[in-house]
Protein backbone atom coordinates (compact mmCIF):
# COMPACT_ATOMS: atom_id res chain seq x y z
CA UNK A 1 160.60 22.64 -64.50
CA UNK A 2 163.02 22.23 -61.72
CA UNK A 3 162.73 18.91 -59.66
CA UNK A 4 162.53 18.66 -55.85
CA UNK A 5 166.04 19.94 -54.81
CA UNK A 6 168.18 18.26 -52.31
CA UNK A 7 168.95 21.91 -51.16
CA UNK A 8 165.63 22.40 -50.22
CA UNK A 9 165.55 19.19 -48.25
CA UNK A 10 168.79 20.19 -46.56
CA UNK A 11 167.19 23.52 -45.51
CA UNK A 12 164.09 21.71 -44.00
CA UNK A 13 166.51 19.61 -41.95
CA UNK A 14 169.03 22.30 -41.02
CA UNK A 15 166.99 25.50 -40.81
CA UNK A 16 169.59 27.30 -42.66
CA UNK A 17 167.34 30.00 -43.88
CA UNK A 18 169.99 31.68 -46.07
CA UNK A 19 169.64 28.40 -48.47
CA UNK A 20 166.34 29.82 -49.85
CA UNK A 21 168.53 32.50 -51.68
CA UNK A 22 170.48 29.55 -53.17
CA UNK A 23 167.57 27.76 -54.34
CA UNK A 24 166.26 30.96 -55.82
CA UNK A 25 169.43 31.62 -57.78
CA UNK A 26 169.25 28.10 -59.45
CA UNK A 27 165.95 29.46 -60.93
CA UNK A 28 166.99 32.74 -62.10
CA UNK A 29 168.15 32.13 -65.47
CA UNK A 30 164.98 30.41 -66.53
CA UNK A 31 162.82 33.11 -65.09
CA UNK A 32 165.00 35.83 -66.86
CA UNK A 33 164.49 33.75 -70.04
CA UNK A 34 160.84 33.83 -69.66
CA UNK A 35 160.55 37.34 -68.63
CA UNK A 36 160.23 38.99 -72.04
CA UNK A 37 157.50 36.43 -73.50
CA UNK A 38 155.14 37.00 -70.51
CA UNK A 39 155.60 40.99 -70.96
CA UNK A 40 155.03 40.84 -74.65
CA UNK A 41 151.89 38.45 -74.35
CA UNK A 42 150.35 39.83 -71.11
CA UNK A 43 150.57 36.12 -69.99
CA UNK A 44 150.93 35.18 -66.39
CA UNK A 45 154.11 33.67 -65.41
CA UNK A 46 152.67 30.38 -64.61
CA UNK A 47 155.65 28.19 -65.46
CA UNK A 48 157.78 30.28 -62.89
CA UNK A 49 155.31 29.53 -60.32
CA UNK A 50 155.50 25.76 -60.98
CA UNK A 51 159.08 26.01 -60.52
CA UNK A 52 158.72 27.77 -57.18
CA UNK A 53 156.33 25.37 -56.23
CA UNK A 54 158.74 22.33 -57.08
CA UNK A 55 161.71 23.91 -55.82
CA UNK A 56 159.83 24.09 -52.18
CA UNK A 57 159.71 28.09 -52.10
CA UNK A 58 156.10 28.19 -51.86
CA UNK A 59 156.48 26.93 -48.11
CA UNK A 60 159.47 28.81 -47.40
CA UNK A 61 158.05 31.21 -44.92
CA UNK A 62 156.34 28.30 -43.12
CA UNK A 63 158.00 27.52 -39.64
CA UNK A 64 160.13 24.37 -39.85
CA UNK A 65 158.05 23.01 -36.92
CA UNK A 66 154.92 22.89 -39.21
CA UNK A 67 156.64 21.50 -42.09
CA UNK A 68 158.04 24.53 -44.04
CA UNK A 69 161.44 25.83 -44.62
CA UNK A 70 161.67 28.35 -41.63
CA UNK A 71 162.84 31.31 -43.56
CA UNK A 72 162.74 34.51 -41.61
CA UNK A 73 161.75 38.03 -43.12
CA UNK A 74 165.37 38.76 -44.09
CA UNK A 75 165.77 35.58 -45.93
CA UNK A 76 162.40 35.88 -47.79
CA UNK A 77 163.16 39.49 -48.89
CA UNK A 78 166.64 38.20 -50.28
CA UNK A 79 164.73 35.58 -52.15
CA UNK A 80 162.17 38.05 -53.60
CA UNK A 81 165.06 40.44 -54.44
CA UNK A 82 166.58 37.73 -56.34
CA UNK A 83 163.59 36.89 -58.29
CA UNK A 84 163.10 40.45 -59.14
CA UNK A 85 166.60 40.81 -60.43
CA UNK A 86 165.40 38.14 -63.14
CA UNK A 87 161.61 38.70 -63.58
CA UNK A 88 159.95 41.72 -61.74
CA UNK A 89 156.69 40.22 -62.41
CA UNK A 90 157.38 36.86 -60.72
CA UNK A 91 158.73 38.68 -57.96
CA UNK A 92 155.70 41.00 -57.14
CA UNK A 93 153.35 38.24 -57.69
CA UNK A 94 155.03 35.74 -55.53
CA UNK A 95 155.69 38.43 -52.84
CA UNK A 96 151.84 38.60 -52.37
CA UNK A 97 151.81 34.91 -51.69
CA UNK A 98 154.79 35.04 -49.36
CA UNK A 99 153.63 37.81 -47.25
CA UNK A 100 150.33 36.18 -46.83
CA UNK A 101 152.54 33.15 -45.44
CA UNK A 102 154.63 35.20 -43.36
CA UNK A 103 151.91 37.26 -41.54
CA UNK A 104 150.37 33.87 -40.06
CA UNK A 105 153.67 32.44 -39.40
CA UNK A 106 154.68 35.76 -37.57
CA UNK A 107 151.36 35.41 -35.29
CA UNK A 108 152.20 31.80 -34.79
CA UNK A 109 155.57 32.18 -33.61
CA UNK A 110 155.11 35.67 -31.82
CA UNK A 111 151.70 35.70 -30.67
CA UNK A 112 151.18 32.07 -30.01
CA UNK A 113 148.22 32.29 -32.44
CA UNK A 114 147.28 28.79 -32.76
CA UNK A 115 144.69 29.56 -34.98
CA UNK A 116 147.12 29.97 -37.72
CA UNK A 117 148.56 26.28 -37.65
CA UNK A 118 146.08 24.78 -39.91
CA UNK A 119 146.64 27.05 -42.85
CA UNK A 120 150.37 27.08 -42.30
CA UNK A 121 150.45 23.20 -42.40
CA UNK A 122 148.30 23.26 -45.35
CA UNK A 123 150.69 25.57 -47.18
CA UNK A 124 153.53 23.30 -46.49
CA UNK A 125 151.81 19.92 -47.21
CA UNK A 126 149.74 20.93 -50.14
CA UNK A 127 151.79 23.70 -51.51
CA UNK A 128 149.01 26.13 -51.52
CA UNK A 129 149.16 29.47 -53.22
CA UNK A 130 147.76 32.14 -51.35
CA UNK A 131 146.37 35.39 -52.86
CA UNK A 132 146.05 38.92 -51.47
CA UNK A 133 143.31 41.29 -52.26
CA UNK A 134 145.21 44.17 -50.47
CA UNK A 135 145.39 46.32 -53.39
CA UNK A 136 141.65 46.57 -53.47
CA UNK A 137 140.96 46.47 -49.64
CA UNK A 138 143.53 48.04 -47.32
CA UNK A 139 142.16 49.88 -44.34
CA UNK A 140 138.94 50.97 -45.99
CA UNK A 141 137.82 47.41 -47.01
CA UNK A 142 135.68 46.69 -49.94
CA UNK A 143 132.78 44.43 -50.82
CA UNK A 144 129.46 43.62 -49.06
CA UNK A 145 129.13 40.88 -46.51
CA UNK A 146 125.27 40.50 -45.97
CA UNK A 147 124.37 38.78 -42.52
CA UNK A 148 122.43 35.52 -43.04
CA UNK A 149 121.71 32.77 -40.70
CA UNK A 150 125.03 31.08 -39.63
CA UNK A 151 127.32 33.36 -41.61
CA UNK A 152 127.77 36.00 -44.25
CA UNK A 153 126.49 36.12 -48.03
CA UNK A 154 129.54 37.76 -49.84
CA UNK A 155 129.64 40.05 -53.12
CA UNK A 156 132.60 41.66 -53.90
CA UNK A 157 135.16 42.53 -56.75
CA UNK A 158 138.78 42.21 -55.75
CA UNK A 159 141.32 43.76 -58.22
CA UNK A 160 144.78 43.55 -58.52
CA UNK A 161 144.76 40.04 -57.42
CA UNK A 162 148.24 38.83 -58.47
CA UNK A 163 148.59 35.37 -59.59
CA UNK A 164 144.69 34.85 -59.60
CA UNK A 165 144.81 32.26 -62.18
CA UNK A 166 146.87 29.88 -60.08
CA UNK A 167 145.73 30.64 -56.64
CA UNK A 168 144.07 28.29 -54.25
CA UNK A 169 142.76 30.73 -51.43
CA UNK A 170 142.32 34.31 -51.67
CA UNK A 171 142.93 35.98 -48.19
CA UNK A 172 140.31 38.86 -48.10
CA UNK A 173 137.28 40.60 -46.48
CA UNK A 174 134.26 42.50 -46.96
CA UNK A 175 132.20 45.20 -45.19
CA UNK A 176 129.35 44.04 -43.03
CA UNK A 177 126.99 46.90 -42.01
CA UNK A 178 124.92 46.40 -38.74
CA UNK A 179 121.41 47.86 -38.24
CA UNK A 180 122.72 50.79 -36.28
CA UNK A 181 125.00 51.67 -39.27
CA UNK A 182 128.04 50.59 -37.94
CA UNK A 183 130.41 49.34 -40.63
CA UNK A 184 132.94 46.39 -39.87
CA UNK A 185 135.29 44.54 -42.19
CA UNK A 186 135.30 40.80 -41.64
CA UNK A 187 138.27 38.89 -42.86
CA UNK A 188 137.93 35.17 -44.30
CA UNK A 189 139.58 32.86 -47.04
CA UNK A 190 137.92 32.30 -50.20
CA UNK A 191 138.43 29.19 -52.18
CA UNK A 192 139.25 30.13 -55.73
CA UNK A 193 137.36 26.96 -57.10
CA UNK A 194 134.18 27.77 -55.37
CA UNK A 195 131.58 28.16 -58.19
CA UNK A 196 130.53 31.79 -56.78
CA UNK A 197 134.13 32.78 -57.68
CA UNK A 198 135.39 33.94 -61.05
CA UNK A 199 138.14 35.74 -62.53
CA UNK A 200 137.95 38.51 -64.99
CA UNK A 201 140.83 39.13 -67.20
CA UNK A 202 141.29 42.94 -66.80
CA UNK A 203 145.11 42.97 -66.42
CA UNK A 204 146.47 45.04 -69.49
CA UNK A 205 148.77 47.43 -68.01
CA UNK A 206 151.80 49.58 -68.43
CA UNK A 207 154.16 47.19 -66.72
CA UNK A 208 154.37 44.21 -64.33
CA UNK A 209 152.35 42.38 -67.11
CA UNK A 210 153.13 38.97 -66.12
CA UNK A 211 151.73 39.19 -62.39
CA UNK A 212 148.20 38.30 -63.82
CA UNK A 213 146.69 40.73 -61.34
CA UNK A 214 143.21 40.35 -62.66
CA UNK A 215 139.89 41.02 -60.87
CA UNK A 216 138.33 38.11 -58.69
CA UNK A 217 134.63 38.57 -58.61
CA UNK A 218 132.73 36.88 -55.76
CA UNK A 219 128.91 36.74 -56.21
CA UNK A 220 126.88 35.35 -53.39
CA UNK A 221 129.53 33.16 -51.67
CA UNK A 222 128.47 31.90 -48.01
CA UNK A 223 131.21 32.42 -45.51
CA UNK A 224 130.09 30.61 -42.37
CA UNK A 225 130.59 32.45 -39.00
CA UNK A 226 133.50 29.94 -38.08
CA UNK A 227 135.32 30.80 -41.08
CA UNK A 228 135.69 34.64 -40.23
CA UNK A 229 139.18 35.26 -38.64
CA UNK A 230 138.64 38.44 -37.26
CA UNK A 231 136.60 41.58 -37.63
CA UNK A 232 137.46 45.30 -37.56
CA UNK A 233 136.10 48.79 -37.74
CA UNK A 234 136.17 49.97 -41.44
CA UNK A 235 138.55 52.73 -42.27
CA UNK A 236 140.59 52.46 -39.14
CA UNK A 237 143.71 50.94 -38.41
CA UNK A 238 143.77 47.80 -36.34
CA UNK A 239 146.43 45.72 -34.49
CA UNK A 240 146.19 43.19 -37.22
CA UNK A 241 147.07 45.56 -39.83
CA UNK A 242 149.84 46.98 -37.99
CA UNK A 243 151.33 43.44 -38.29
CA UNK A 244 150.50 43.20 -41.85
CA UNK A 245 152.03 46.72 -42.77
CA UNK A 246 155.15 45.74 -40.73
CA UNK A 247 155.74 42.28 -42.22
CA UNK A 248 154.33 42.58 -45.57
CA UNK A 249 156.03 45.79 -47.24
CA UNK A 250 159.59 44.93 -46.46
CA UNK A 251 158.82 41.59 -48.80
CA UNK A 252 157.01 43.58 -51.45
CA UNK A 253 159.46 46.22 -51.89
CA UNK A 254 162.22 43.65 -52.23
CA UNK A 255 160.76 42.95 -55.61
CA UNK A 256 161.21 46.44 -56.68
CA UNK A 257 164.71 46.44 -55.38
CA UNK A 258 165.52 43.55 -57.70
CA UNK A 259 164.03 45.32 -60.60
CA UNK A 260 166.25 48.45 -59.88
CA UNK A 261 169.24 46.11 -59.64
CA UNK A 262 168.60 44.45 -62.96
CA UNK A 263 168.29 47.71 -64.77
CA UNK A 264 171.74 48.97 -63.34
CA UNK A 265 173.26 45.71 -64.31
CA UNK A 266 171.89 46.15 -68.03
CA UNK A 267 172.84 49.93 -68.18
CA UNK A 268 176.33 49.05 -67.13
CA UNK A 269 176.84 46.31 -69.55
CA UNK A 270 175.53 48.73 -72.51
CA UNK A 271 177.49 51.69 -71.08
CA UNK A 272 180.81 49.60 -71.24
CA UNK A 273 180.49 49.59 -75.02
CA UNK A 274 180.40 53.40 -75.20
CA UNK A 275 183.12 55.79 -75.00
CA UNK A 276 183.97 56.93 -71.40
CA UNK A 277 183.12 60.56 -70.88
CA UNK A 278 182.53 62.80 -67.93
CA UNK A 279 178.51 62.53 -68.51
CA UNK A 280 178.81 58.92 -68.66
CA UNK A 281 180.79 58.76 -65.29
CA UNK A 282 178.27 61.19 -63.84
CA UNK A 283 175.24 59.01 -64.86
CA UNK A 284 176.93 55.91 -63.51
CA UNK A 285 177.93 57.50 -60.36
CA UNK A 286 174.22 59.04 -59.76
CA UNK A 287 172.86 55.75 -60.71
CA UNK A 288 174.76 53.59 -57.98
CA UNK A 289 174.24 56.39 -55.42
CA UNK A 290 170.41 56.16 -55.78
CA UNK A 291 170.47 52.29 -55.66
CA UNK A 292 172.69 52.35 -52.57
CA UNK A 293 170.19 54.61 -51.13
CA UNK A 294 167.22 52.20 -52.15
CA UNK A 295 169.30 49.35 -50.49
CA UNK A 296 169.79 51.21 -47.34
CA UNK A 297 166.20 52.01 -47.05
CA UNK A 298 165.09 48.71 -47.80
CA UNK A 299 167.50 47.37 -44.95
CA UNK A 300 165.57 49.71 -42.55
CA UNK A 301 162.44 47.97 -43.53
CA UNK A 302 163.75 44.39 -42.84
CA UNK A 303 165.43 45.69 -39.49
CA UNK A 304 161.89 47.20 -38.40
CA UNK A 305 160.06 43.92 -39.10
CA UNK A 306 162.87 41.94 -37.26
CA UNK A 307 162.23 43.91 -34.09
CA UNK A 308 158.84 41.85 -33.85
CA UNK A 309 157.24 44.78 -32.42
CA UNK A 310 154.43 45.97 -34.69
CA UNK A 311 152.72 49.23 -33.84
CA UNK A 312 151.89 52.75 -35.10
CA UNK A 313 155.60 53.50 -34.80
CA UNK A 314 156.80 50.31 -36.91
CA UNK A 315 154.10 51.27 -39.61
CA UNK A 316 155.55 54.72 -39.67
CA UNK A 317 159.24 53.68 -40.13
CA UNK A 318 158.35 50.90 -42.63
CA UNK A 319 156.20 53.30 -44.75
CA UNK A 320 159.12 56.02 -44.62
CA UNK A 321 161.46 53.03 -45.86
CA UNK A 322 158.73 52.25 -48.58
CA UNK A 323 158.85 55.77 -49.82
CA UNK A 324 162.33 55.86 -50.03
CA UNK A 325 162.84 52.58 -51.63
CA UNK A 326 160.24 53.45 -54.23
CA UNK A 327 161.87 57.00 -55.00
CA UNK A 328 165.40 55.85 -55.17
CA UNK A 329 164.56 52.70 -57.17
CA UNK A 330 162.42 54.72 -59.65
CA UNK A 331 165.49 57.21 -60.14
CA UNK A 332 167.84 54.32 -60.34
CA UNK A 333 166.09 52.86 -63.44
CA UNK A 334 165.54 56.48 -64.79
CA UNK A 335 169.25 56.97 -64.64
CA UNK A 336 169.92 53.69 -66.08
CA UNK A 337 167.86 54.64 -69.19
CA UNK A 338 169.85 57.53 -69.43
CA UNK A 339 173.26 55.81 -68.99
CA UNK A 340 172.50 53.31 -71.61
CA UNK A 341 171.29 55.97 -74.18
CA UNK A 342 169.47 55.13 -77.10
CA UNK A 343 170.16 51.47 -76.68
CA UNK A 344 167.54 51.43 -73.55
CA UNK A 345 164.70 52.06 -75.98
CA UNK A 346 164.78 48.71 -77.50
CA UNK A 347 162.66 46.14 -76.01
CA UNK A 348 165.47 43.38 -76.62
CA UNK A 349 167.74 45.01 -74.03
CA UNK A 350 165.18 44.70 -71.35
CA UNK A 351 165.79 48.25 -69.96
CA UNK A 352 162.54 49.49 -71.10
CA UNK A 353 160.69 46.65 -69.30
CA UNK A 354 162.42 47.39 -65.99
CA UNK A 355 161.28 51.15 -66.52
CA UNK A 356 157.76 50.11 -67.04
CA UNK A 357 157.75 47.56 -63.96
CA UNK A 358 159.24 50.03 -61.59
CA UNK A 359 156.42 52.47 -61.90
CA UNK A 360 154.18 50.12 -60.14
CA UNK A 361 156.15 51.07 -56.81
CA UNK A 362 154.28 54.18 -56.68
CA UNK A 363 150.84 52.47 -56.25
CA UNK A 364 150.92 50.37 -53.07
CA UNK A 365 149.95 51.75 -49.80
CA UNK A 366 150.85 53.98 -48.21
CA UNK A 367 151.15 56.18 -51.35
CA UNK A 368 152.99 59.52 -51.38
CA UNK A 369 150.26 61.78 -49.87
CA UNK A 370 148.92 59.27 -46.96
CA UNK A 371 152.60 58.40 -46.17
CA UNK A 372 153.71 62.01 -45.69
CA UNK A 373 150.62 62.68 -43.67
CA UNK A 374 151.09 59.69 -41.46
CA UNK A 375 154.61 60.51 -40.94
CA UNK A 376 153.74 64.24 -40.15
CA UNK A 377 151.09 63.33 -37.61
CA UNK A 378 153.44 60.76 -35.82
CA UNK A 379 156.18 63.64 -35.88
CA UNK A 380 153.51 66.07 -34.09
CA UNK A 381 151.96 63.52 -31.81
CA UNK A 382 148.66 63.54 -33.57
CA UNK A 383 146.22 60.47 -34.14
CA UNK A 384 147.00 58.48 -37.15
CA UNK A 385 144.12 55.80 -36.73
CA UNK A 386 142.22 57.09 -40.04
CA UNK A 387 145.21 57.99 -42.18
CA UNK A 388 145.83 55.24 -44.78
């Protein structure tokens, strides 16, 4: 485990957000060494999380004024890309924590949302790990919130909860149905140590096996009215979700960019051992072209987030970028497999793990159908409120 670094202390004092990348690079070799074991055993990358916590990266996105490292979206994305280059599972799981910190940090800084301050201070002081249930919630919401005196009684199953076994707070929601049939999603934190909360180990998957994205089951948890962060109509875009989409997805897809880079580097290393032929040159050139396209699309996503103007337009641009990153990252890894030839089929070379891990880029919102529909509606000047 890495000890508390002088570099992290320097960052906190100077606000030089690019140093988060240097901290990450100091951990990369350890992450890469553990990646195969986690993949082979379907085991969560717990040791890597402890290193991230010890190195101060859990609070990387918390504003420096609130005790964090003050890293901006661009620096956080680079941090996650570097992690992805070493271990895709660690990068993707940690992206779920990182975006749950970046969103309240954005609201605190750009909307003067002082209600975000206690959570951000706790993340910095206690190095809390935040979990996301976005994969099973998104715009439609999931779970049941029964109105009772003073609050709500929650019953829900939250799938795809990356890092569930090490998390402290699950940031989630549930659907409350009024007497007139109106359905609203209420949002609240769930303490993972509450007796009404348990983890079901369902994560046996094609790729990203080390993320520990198991189901979290909530049975009868009481959430007081005071703990409800906000409420919104189920199945419709809300301004807070425009913030979430704009801020979160450049971070999530940085992880996949890192996986594509890792595959490229492995393939180049293997290809250099083979005779140079026109076919080999063609594959290497197409691979690097696809990777450059993924980089350019991801740069667009970060630039849109850095405009600090979440809206239906920013969601559209970020999701177009998300589609392009996914498409070109997947193509990069496929070409890497071809470039490496039969050697890519051996687990010991690491390429087949990249191939399996990159497939998960298909499944985050907005998936290909809804993304195209959203972009089409925006182009034609039609409503997008229920396209997700």
